[in-house]
């Protein structure tokens, strides 16, 4: 790595996080305990929901969410093709079938109209993924779910602290799953959270995240607990330890400031790139939504350029700048081809987004100079490779 390189992501960790972890280490209680419970209370208050259940990943949160609403073998769950592996694989865990859906034309999020066409008598749920932090059309998806009596679950791995119609994501649908992976808007290294306003779902999630053991199982090794326990279902090992929750508490206190900085960077990129016809800007939502700006995804208009996305990625790399591609649609992967018969061409809007997209660095730890350096490198690439070079002459 170059000495002055700009990685695709760099976590914002300060003395508050170090102190929080130190206090847990000094307490000698490392696994799920009182700090995790405090993180759950803090998070529920932050997003405006009644219940929050901390787990070890967003994948686990989605898995437990599907279990809570009763998804089982033979059921079908609508999932966008344009998403990460976790969104669909949790459906497979429960023996159900992931039914892939296309993206909105010219966008990334699931197309409610395409989802509607794929509903069958076996459909039991829809998972809405807020790609890059732009909220999905929840009004349309909720109407669809109510019309067909199916569950609506949100994959909000990218969406803290996004909002829709004045409500924070995490307080709206039956169940929402968040990620605290190392690159996310707040991080615990690894971790996730399930949020809901339904007490039954919260109780089920709390039990299933720790082996299906009833009650406050984590207290078995404290003075307040008992050695006796009962297993009421075949649960999972998905609990969050206090060590990670301590990070989460410290990070959550900074979530608003982190979001403000992400918006500043996104605004700078948008101002810089919006005059370049060769670049298509990311969807920014509308007046009823707040974008979290977890990702900044540009799309290249390849027909207007003499070089490819791979060339841009390489130029950024040579300049010491990390980038990424979000996402390779699920239907293009061997597993979904071999097991469900999907193939190239099935979801044209998702494929179009994937073939042209590139994610640029956007995180609070970036300096203004780093942000400008990323933007300048992209500008230089466009100026050098645009087919209408006279447009940028002088």
Foldseek 3Di string as FASTA:
>chain_A
DDPPFAALFDDDDDPQLVVLLVVCVVVVAWFDDDLQVVLFVVVCVVQVADGKAKWFWLLLLLLLLCVLLPQAAAAEEEEELQADPSNQVSSVVRNYHYDYAFCDFPARWGDLVRVLVPDDPRYAEYETECPLQADDPVVSVVVSCVVNVHAYEYECQAHVQKDFQPGGPQHPGAKYKYWQDPLHLAHLNTIIMIGHNDPSSNLSSNCQCCQQKDDPVVCCPPPPHHVDIDRPDRHHNIHGISSSSSSSVSRVVCSVVFQVQLVVLLVVLCVLCVVQPQKDFHDCYDPRMHGSSSWGKIFGPVVQWPDAPVVLCVLCVVVSFHKAFRDDGNLPDPVCCVPPVRHPPPHVSSVNSRRGIMTGRGTNVDDPVRSVVRSVSVVVRCCVIGPPNVVVDD
